[in-house]
Amino acid sequence: MGISVTKLLIVLGIAVVLFGTRRLRNAGADIGAAIRNFRSAIKEGESETHESEQDSSVEGEAAGRKKED
């Protein structure tokens, strides 16, 4: 019931006829760039979250030390 290789080739052939190889190649490059940008944004977000967690734990330790004094 899944998609067979023959069906995929037919769909690819129709896409090439409708859009041409240049437009499909450009679309592939655009999708690749979008995925790279998305991944880098996720990595930046994770590093910012990790840094803010470290900052808050350092502030908590400093507050704890003040109470002890």
N, C-alpha and C. Protein backbone atom coordinates (compact mmCIF):
# COMPACT_ATOMS: atom_id res chain seq x y z
N MET A 1 0.82 -1.19 0.00
CA MET A 1 0.00 0.00 0.00
C MET A 1 0.87 1.26 0.00
N GLY A 2 2.18 1.09 0.13
CA GLY A 2 3.07 2.25 0.16
C GLY A 2 3.37 2.77 -1.24
N ILE A 3 4.27 3.68 -1.28
CA ILE A 3 4.67 4.29 -2.55
C ILE A 3 5.79 3.44 -3.16
N SER A 4 5.57 3.01 -4.38
CA SER A 4 6.58 2.18 -5.04
C SER A 4 7.57 3.06 -5.79
N VAL A 5 8.66 2.46 -6.24
CA VAL A 5 9.69 3.17 -6.99
C VAL A 5 9.12 3.69 -8.30
N THR A 6 8.26 2.91 -8.92
CA THR A 6 7.66 3.33 -10.19
C THR A 6 6.84 4.59 -10.00
N LYS A 7 6.05 4.66 -8.95
CA LYS A 7 5.23 5.84 -8.68
C LYS A 7 6.11 7.05 -8.41
N LEU A 8 7.21 6.86 -7.67
CA LEU A 8 8.12 7.97 -7.40
C LEU A 8 8.75 8.49 -8.68
N LEU A 9 9.14 7.60 -9.58
CA LEU A 9 9.72 8.02 -10.86
C LEU A 9 8.71 8.78 -11.71
N ILE A 10 7.47 8.35 -11.70
CA ILE A 10 6.43 9.05 -12.46
C ILE A 10 6.24 10.46 -11.90
N VAL A 11 6.15 10.59 -10.60
CA VAL A 11 5.98 11.91 -9.97
C VAL A 11 7.19 12.79 -10.27
N LEU A 12 8.39 12.25 -10.19
CA LEU A 12 9.60 13.00 -10.50
C LEU A 12 9.60 13.46 -11.96
N GLY A 13 9.19 12.58 -12.86
CA GLY A 13 9.11 12.94 -14.28
C GLY A 13 8.13 14.07 -14.53
N ILE A 14 6.98 14.01 -13.88
CA ILE A 14 5.98 15.08 -14.02
C ILE A 14 6.52 16.39 -13.46
N ALA A 15 7.21 16.34 -12.32
CA ALA A 15 7.78 17.55 -11.72
C ALA A 15 8.82 18.17 -12.64
N VAL A 16 9.65 17.35 -13.28
CA VAL A 16 10.66 17.86 -14.21
C VAL A 16 10.01 18.51 -15.41
N VAL A 17 8.95 17.90 -15.93
CA VAL A 17 8.26 18.47 -17.08
C VAL A 17 7.61 19.80 -16.71
N LEU A 18 6.97 19.86 -15.54
CA LEU A 18 6.27 21.08 -15.15
C LEU A 18 7.21 22.22 -14.77
N PHE A 19 8.24 21.93 -14.01
CA PHE A 19 9.08 22.99 -13.46
C PHE A 19 10.42 23.13 -14.15
N GLY A 20 10.93 22.10 -14.75
CA GLY A 20 12.25 22.14 -15.36
C GLY A 20 13.32 21.83 -14.32
N THR A 21 14.47 21.40 -14.82
CA THR A 21 15.52 20.98 -13.90
C THR A 21 16.13 22.15 -13.14
N ARG A 22 16.22 23.32 -13.77
CA ARG A 22 16.83 24.48 -13.09
C ARG A 22 16.02 24.91 -11.88
N ARG A 23 14.70 24.99 -12.03
CA ARG A 23 13.86 25.41 -10.90
C ARG A 23 13.87 24.37 -9.78
N LEU A 24 13.90 23.08 -10.16
CA LEU A 24 13.97 22.05 -9.13
C LEU A 24 15.30 22.09 -8.39
N ARG A 25 16.38 22.35 -9.11
CA ARG A 25 17.70 22.44 -8.48
C ARG A 25 17.73 23.63 -7.52
N ASN A 26 17.17 24.77 -7.96
CA ASN A 26 17.13 25.95 -7.09
C ASN A 26 16.26 25.70 -5.85
N ALA A 27 15.16 25.00 -6.05
CA ALA A 27 14.29 24.69 -4.91
C ALA A 27 15.01 23.79 -3.92
N GLY A 28 15.77 22.83 -4.43
CA GLY A 28 16.54 21.95 -3.54
C GLY A 28 17.59 22.72 -2.76
N ALA A 29 18.26 23.66 -3.43
CA ALA A 29 19.26 24.47 -2.74
C ALA A 29 18.62 25.36 -1.67
N ASP A 30 17.45 25.91 -1.98
CA ASP A 30 16.75 26.75 -1.01
C ASP A 30 16.31 25.95 0.20
N ILE A 31 15.83 24.75 -0.03
CA ILE A 31 15.41 23.90 1.09
C ILE A 31 16.61 23.52 1.95
N GLY A 32 17.74 23.22 1.31
CA GLY A 32 18.95 22.88 2.06
C GLY A 32 19.43 24.05 2.91
N ALA A 33 19.39 25.26 2.35
CA ALA A 33 19.80 26.44 3.11
C ALA A 33 18.85 26.68 4.28
N ALA A 34 17.57 26.47 4.07
CA ALA A 34 16.60 26.66 5.15
C ALA A 34 16.85 25.67 6.28
N ILE A 35 17.16 24.44 5.94
CA ILE A 35 17.43 23.43 6.97
C ILE A 35 18.69 23.78 7.75
N ARG A 36 19.74 24.23 7.04
CA ARG A 36 20.97 24.64 7.73
C ARG A 36 20.72 25.81 8.68
N ASN A 37 19.95 26.80 8.22
CA ASN A 37 19.64 27.94 9.08
C ASN A 37 18.83 27.52 10.30
N PHE A 38 17.90 26.61 10.10
CA PHE A 38 17.08 26.12 11.20
C PHE A 38 17.93 25.40 12.24
N ARG A 39 18.84 24.55 11.78
CA ARG A 39 19.71 23.83 12.70
C ARG A 39 20.62 24.77 13.47
N SER A 40 21.17 25.79 12.80
CA SER A 40 22.04 26.72 13.50
C SER A 40 21.26 27.54 14.52
N ALA A 41 20.02 27.88 14.20
CA ALA A 41 19.19 28.62 15.15
C ALA A 41 18.88 27.77 16.38
N ILE A 42 18.66 26.49 16.17
CA ILE A 42 18.40 25.60 17.31
C ILE A 42 19.64 25.51 18.19
N LYS A 43 20.81 25.38 17.57
CA LYS A 43 22.05 25.30 18.35
C LYS A 43 22.28 26.59 19.14
N GLU A 44 22.01 27.75 18.54
CA GLU A 44 22.17 29.02 19.25
C GLU A 44 21.21 29.09 20.43
N GLY A 45 19.99 28.64 20.22
CA GLY A 45 19.00 28.66 21.29
C GLY A 45 19.40 27.75 22.44
N GLU A 46 19.94 26.59 22.11
CA GLU A 46 20.37 25.67 23.16
C GLU A 46 21.55 26.24 23.94
N SER A 47 22.49 26.90 23.25
CA SER A 47 23.64 27.45 23.96
C SER A 47 23.22 28.62 24.83
N GLU A 48 22.26 29.44 24.37
CA GLU A 48 21.76 30.55 25.19
C GLU A 48 21.04 30.02 26.42
N THR A 49 20.27 28.95 26.25
CA THR A 49 19.55 28.36 27.38
C THR A 49 20.54 27.79 28.39
N HIS A 50 21.56 27.14 27.89
CA HIS A 50 22.57 26.55 28.77
C HIS A 50 23.32 27.65 29.53
N GLU A 51 23.64 28.75 28.84
CA GLU A 51 24.34 29.86 29.50
C GLU A 51 23.45 30.50 30.55
N SER A 52 22.17 30.67 30.27
CA SER A 52 21.28 31.29 31.25
C SER A 52 21.09 30.39 32.46
N GLU A 53 21.10 29.07 32.26
CA GLU A 53 21.01 28.15 33.39
C GLU A 53 22.24 28.26 34.26
N GLN A 54 23.42 28.40 33.66
CA GLN A 54 24.64 28.55 34.42
C GLN A 54 24.64 29.87 35.18
N ASP A 55 24.17 30.95 34.54
CA ASP A 55 24.11 32.25 35.20
C ASP A 55 23.18 32.21 36.40
N SER A 56 22.02 31.57 36.26
CA SER A 56 21.07 31.54 37.36
C SER A 56 21.61 30.69 38.51
N SER A 57 22.35 29.62 38.21
CA SER A 57 22.90 28.81 39.28
C SER A 57 24.01 29.56 40.01
N VAL A 58 24.79 30.36 39.30
CA VAL A 58 25.83 31.16 39.93
C VAL A 58 25.20 32.23 40.82
N GLU A 59 24.11 32.86 40.34
CA GLU A 59 23.42 33.86 41.14
C GLU A 59 22.83 33.23 42.40
N GLY A 60 22.31 32.02 42.28
CA GLY A 60 21.75 31.32 43.43
C GLY A 60 22.81 31.00 44.46
N GLU A 61 24.00 30.62 44.02
CA GLU A 61 25.10 30.33 44.94
C GLU A 61 25.53 31.60 45.65
N ALA A 62 25.58 32.72 44.90
CA ALA A 62 25.99 33.98 45.52
C ALA A 62 24.96 34.42 46.56
N ALA A 63 23.69 34.24 46.28
CA ALA A 63 22.65 34.61 47.24
C ALA A 63 22.73 33.73 48.48
N GLY A 64 23.02 32.46 48.30
CA GLY A 64 23.16 31.54 49.41
C GLY A 64 24.33 31.92 50.29
N ARG A 65 25.41 32.38 49.70
CA ARG A 65 26.57 32.78 50.47
C ARG A 65 26.28 34.04 51.29
N LYS A 66 25.50 34.96 50.73
CA LYS A 66 25.17 36.18 51.45
C LYS A 66 24.35 35.87 52.70
N LYS A 67 23.46 34.89 52.59
CA LYS A 67 22.60 34.53 53.73
C LYS A 67 23.43 33.89 54.84
N GLU A 68 24.47 33.15 54.45
CA GLU A 68 25.30 32.50 55.44
C GLU A 68 26.14 33.51 56.23
N ASP A 69 26.51 34.61 55.57
CA ASP A 69 27.38 35.62 56.22
C ASP A 69 26.65 36.36 57.25
